[in-house]
Amino acid sequence: MKSHKTPQTMKPATAAKKLGVYLEATPESFQAGVVSRDDLNAMQADPPEWLRELRRDGPHPRQVVAAKLGVSIGGLARGGITDPLTTEQIDAVKADGPEWLLRERATFAEARQEALRAKETRS
């Protein structure tokens, strides 16, 4: 008897997180179904147009917004940014250079340095 291996699947929210996109901005067909590991790998290797557009223009999820601004997700919240932002909105925040952004970037850089020092100490 042969055993049939079932494909590994994930919820659309998990797939969107792995793809680095905001779930609510994805097509309805993506949000409504399940995504197989093979489908996810195919989208990562050769992204469909909607995925390329979302990655380029947004709206972006918080973790992507935080990375693009060089702050933590907590820093975004402290700065009053709780909603997804488009690339254009992120660029506008960078151009404005608000005080909270400068402060949170410094805090984030300190935290990274401290984590690096701690890692070197353990080694």
C-alpha atoms as a PDB file:
ATOM      1  CA  MET A   1       0.000   0.000   0.000  1.00  0.00           C
ATOM      2  CA  LYS A   2       1.241   3.461  -0.876  1.00  0.00           C
ATOM      3  CA  SER A   3       0.950   6.259   1.599  1.00  0.00           C
ATOM      4  CA  HIS A   4      -0.299   9.451   0.084  1.00  0.00           C
ATOM      5  CA  LYS A   5       1.503  12.491   1.372  1.00  0.00           C
ATOM      6  CA  THR A   6      -0.820  15.440   1.787  1.00  0.00           C
ATOM      7  CA  PRO A   7       0.608  18.817   0.854  1.00  0.00           C
ATOM      8  CA  GLN A   8       1.449  21.148   3.707  1.00  0.00           C
ATOM      9  CA  THR A   9      -0.939  24.104   3.757  1.00  0.00           C
ATOM     10  CA  MET A  10      -1.217  27.312   5.718  1.00  0.00           C
ATOM     11  CA  LYS A  11      -3.773  29.997   6.383  1.00  0.00           C
ATOM     12  CA  PRO A  12      -3.675  33.070   4.153  1.00  0.00           C
ATOM     13  CA  ALA A  13      -2.552  35.223   7.118  1.00  0.00           C
ATOM     14  CA  THR A  14       0.497  33.005   7.637  1.00  0.00           C
ATOM     15  CA  ALA A  15       1.325  33.034   3.930  1.00  0.00           C
ATOM     16  CA  ALA A  16       0.940  36.841   3.765  1.00  0.00           C
ATOM     17  CA  LYS A  17       3.318  37.224   6.713  1.00  0.00           C
ATOM     18  CA  LYS A  18       5.880  34.945   5.064  1.00  0.00           C
ATOM     19  CA  LEU A  19       5.536  36.952   1.830  1.00  0.00           C
ATOM     20  CA  GLY A  20       5.863  40.263   3.726  1.00  0.00           C
ATOM     21  CA  VAL A  21       2.552  41.708   2.532  1.00  0.00           C
ATOM     22  CA  TYR A  22      -0.562  43.118   4.203  1.00  0.00           C
ATOM     23  CA  LEU A  23      -3.258  40.430   4.067  1.00  0.00           C
ATOM     24  CA  GLU A  24      -6.193  42.813   3.574  1.00  0.00           C
ATOM     25  CA  ALA A  25      -4.528  44.221   0.435  1.00  0.00           C
ATOM     26  CA  THR A  26      -4.163  40.806  -1.227  1.00  0.00           C
ATOM     27  CA  PRO A  27      -6.679  39.561  -3.804  1.00  0.00           C
ATOM     28  CA  GLU A  28      -9.883  37.984  -2.497  1.00  0.00           C
ATOM     29  CA  SER A  29      -8.889  34.653  -4.024  1.00  0.00           C
ATOM     30  CA  PHE A  30      -5.731  34.647  -1.871  1.00  0.00           C
ATOM     31  CA  GLN A  31      -7.604  35.613   1.301  1.00  0.00           C
ATOM     32  CA  ALA A  32     -10.385  33.060   0.828  1.00  0.00           C
ATOM     33  CA  GLY A  33      -8.383  29.871   0.385  1.00  0.00           C
ATOM     34  CA  VAL A  34      -5.489  28.001   1.863  1.00  0.00           C
ATOM     35  CA  VAL A  35      -1.971  28.272   0.500  1.00  0.00           C
ATOM     36  CA  SER A  36       0.163  25.192  -0.017  1.00  0.00           C
ATOM     37  CA  ARG A  37       3.889  25.200   0.640  1.00  0.00           C
ATOM     38  CA  ASP A  38       4.422  24.613  -3.093  1.00  0.00           C
ATOM     39  CA  ASP A  39       2.229  27.630  -3.953  1.00  0.00           C
ATOM     40  CA  LEU A  40       4.143  29.794  -1.476  1.00  0.00           C
ATOM     41  CA  ASN A  41       7.488  28.688  -2.887  1.00  0.00           C
ATOM     42  CA  ALA A  42       6.257  29.397  -6.419  1.00  0.00           C
ATOM     43  CA  MET A  43       5.096  32.896  -5.407  1.00  0.00           C
ATOM     44  CA  GLN A  44       8.461  33.598  -3.787  1.00  0.00           C
ATOM     45  CA  ALA A  45      10.398  32.337  -6.812  1.00  0.00           C
ATOM     46  CA  ASP A  46       8.253  34.053  -9.446  1.00  0.00           C
ATOM     47  CA  PRO A  47       5.904  36.569  -7.788  1.00  0.00           C
ATOM     48  CA  PRO A  48       2.608  37.284  -9.562  1.00  0.00           C
ATOM     49  CA  GLU A  49       2.007  40.899 -10.572  1.00  0.00           C
ATOM     50  CA  TRP A  50      -0.235  41.646  -7.566  1.00  0.00           C
ATOM     51  CA  LEU A  51       2.511  40.485  -5.192  1.00  0.00           C
ATOM     52  CA  ARG A  52       5.211  42.535  -6.938  1.00  0.00           C
ATOM     53  CA  GLU A  53       2.936  45.585  -6.793  1.00  0.00           C
ATOM     54  CA  LEU A  54       2.157  45.113  -3.087  1.00  0.00           C
ATOM     55  CA  ARG A  55       5.829  44.692  -2.216  1.00  0.00           C
ATOM     56  CA  ARG A  56       6.726  47.786  -4.218  1.00  0.00           C
ATOM     57  CA  ASP A  57       3.871  50.169  -3.358  1.00  0.00           C
ATOM     58  CA  GLY A  58       2.129  48.740  -0.283  1.00  0.00           C
ATOM     59  CA  PRO A  59       0.200  49.048   1.860  1.00  0.00           C
ATOM     60  CA  HIS A  60       2.840  47.356   3.978  1.00  0.00           C
ATOM     61  CA  PRO A  61       2.295  45.461   7.259  1.00  0.00           C
ATOM     62  CA  ARG A  62       3.749  46.865  10.481  1.00  0.00           C
ATOM     63  CA  GLN A  63       6.891  44.731  10.456  1.00  0.00           C
ATOM     64  CA  VAL A  64       7.769  45.982   6.957  1.00  0.00           C
ATOM     65  CA  VAL A  65       6.953  49.609   7.856  1.00  0.00           C
ATOM     66  CA  ALA A  66       9.149  49.325  10.952  1.00  0.00           C
ATOM     67  CA  ALA A  67      12.017  47.846   8.940  1.00  0.00           C
ATOM     68  CA  LYS A  68      11.774  50.520   6.242  1.00  0.00           C
ATOM     69  CA  LEU A  69      11.825  53.256   8.902  1.00  0.00           C
ATOM     70  CA  GLY A  70      14.592  51.584  10.914  1.00  0.00           C
ATOM     71  CA  VAL A  71      12.591  51.301  14.128  1.00  0.00           C
ATOM     72  CA  SER A  72      10.917  48.568  16.172  1.00  0.00           C
ATOM     73  CA  ILE A  73       7.229  47.742  15.940  1.00  0.00           C
ATOM     74  CA  GLY A  74       6.859  49.187  19.449  1.00  0.00           C
ATOM     75  CA  GLY A  75       8.575  52.338  18.222  1.00  0.00           C
ATOM     76  CA  LEU A  76       5.948  52.664  15.495  1.00  0.00           C
ATOM     77  CA  ALA A  77       3.199  52.493  18.104  1.00  0.00           C
ATOM     78  CA  ARG A  78       4.943  55.059  20.299  1.00  0.00           C
ATOM     79  CA  GLY A  79       5.198  57.271  17.214  1.00  0.00           C
ATOM     80  CA  GLY A  80       1.451  56.964  16.651  1.00  0.00           C
ATOM     81  CA  ILE A  81       1.639  54.745  13.564  1.00  0.00           C
ATOM     82  CA  THR A  82      -0.783  51.871  13.981  1.00  0.00           C
ATOM     83  CA  ASP A  83      -2.095  51.443  10.443  1.00  0.00           C
ATOM     84  CA  PRO A  84      -0.372  49.950   7.406  1.00  0.00           C
ATOM     85  CA  LEU A  85       1.438  52.522   5.264  1.00  0.00           C
ATOM     86  CA  THR A  86       2.172  52.723   1.568  1.00  0.00           C
ATOM     87  CA  THR A  87       5.698  53.230   0.280  1.00  0.00           C
ATOM     88  CA  GLU A  88       4.778  56.839  -0.523  1.00  0.00           C
ATOM     89  CA  GLN A  89       3.606  57.428   3.061  1.00  0.00           C
ATOM     90  CA  ILE A  90       6.771  55.832   4.462  1.00  0.00           C
ATOM     91  CA  ASP A  91       8.908  58.075   2.253  1.00  0.00           C
ATOM     92  CA  ALA A  92       6.928  61.110   3.489  1.00  0.00           C
ATOM     93  CA  VAL A  93       7.574  60.171   7.132  1.00  0.00           C
ATOM     94  CA  LYS A  94      11.281  59.774   6.374  1.00  0.00           C
ATOM     95  CA  ALA A  95      11.374  63.131   4.588  1.00  0.00           C
ATOM     96  CA  ASP A  96       9.599  64.901   7.471  1.00  0.00           C
ATOM     97  CA  GLY A  97      12.065  63.422   9.964  1.00  0.00           C
ATOM     98  CA  PRO A  98       9.799  63.793  13.014  1.00  0.00           C
ATOM     99  CA  GLU A  99      11.410  63.827  16.435  1.00  0.00           C
ATOM    100  CA  TRP A 100       9.868  60.477  17.435  1.00  0.00           C
ATOM    101  CA  LEU A 101      11.461  58.807  14.391  1.00  0.00           C
ATOM    102  CA  LEU A 102      14.928  60.082  15.244  1.00  0.00           C
ATOM    103  CA  ARG A 103      14.482  59.053  18.890  1.00  0.00           C
ATOM    104  CA  GLU A 104      13.163  55.583  18.015  1.00  0.00           C
ATOM    105  CA  ARG A 105      15.928  54.974  15.469  1.00  0.00           C
ATOM    106  CA  ALA A 106      18.506  55.780  18.149  1.00  0.00           C
ATOM    107  CA  THR A 107      16.753  53.496  20.643  1.00  0.00           C
ATOM    108  CA  PHE A 108      16.550  50.697  18.080  1.00  0.00           C
ATOM    109  CA  ALA A 109      20.243  51.074  17.196  1.00  0.00           C
ATOM    110  CA  GLU A 110      21.175  50.936  20.899  1.00  0.00           C
ATOM    111  CA  ALA A 111      19.091  47.782  21.366  1.00  0.00           C
ATOM    112  CA  ARG A 112      20.795  46.121  18.392  1.00  0.00           C
ATOM    113  CA  GLN A 113      24.238  47.065  19.720  1.00  0.00           C
ATOM    114  CA  GLU A 114      23.373  45.711  23.164  1.00  0.00           C
ATOM    115  CA  ALA A 115      22.093  42.451  21.660  1.00  0.00           C
ATOM    116  CA  LEU A 116      25.313  42.135  19.663  1.00  0.00           C
ATOM    117  CA  ARG A 117      27.438  42.752  22.765  1.00  0.00           C
ATOM    118  CA  ALA A 118      25.431  40.165  24.693  1.00  0.00           C
ATOM    119  CA  LYS A 119      25.858  37.638  21.905  1.00  0.00           C
ATOM    120  CA  GLU A 120      29.622  38.238  21.777  1.00  0.00           C
ATOM    121  CA  THR A 121      29.832  37.853  25.559  1.00  0.00           C
ATOM    122  CA  ARG A 122      28.111  34.457  25.392  1.00  0.00           C
ATOM    123  CA  SER A 123      30.427  33.191  22.666  1.00  0.00           C
END
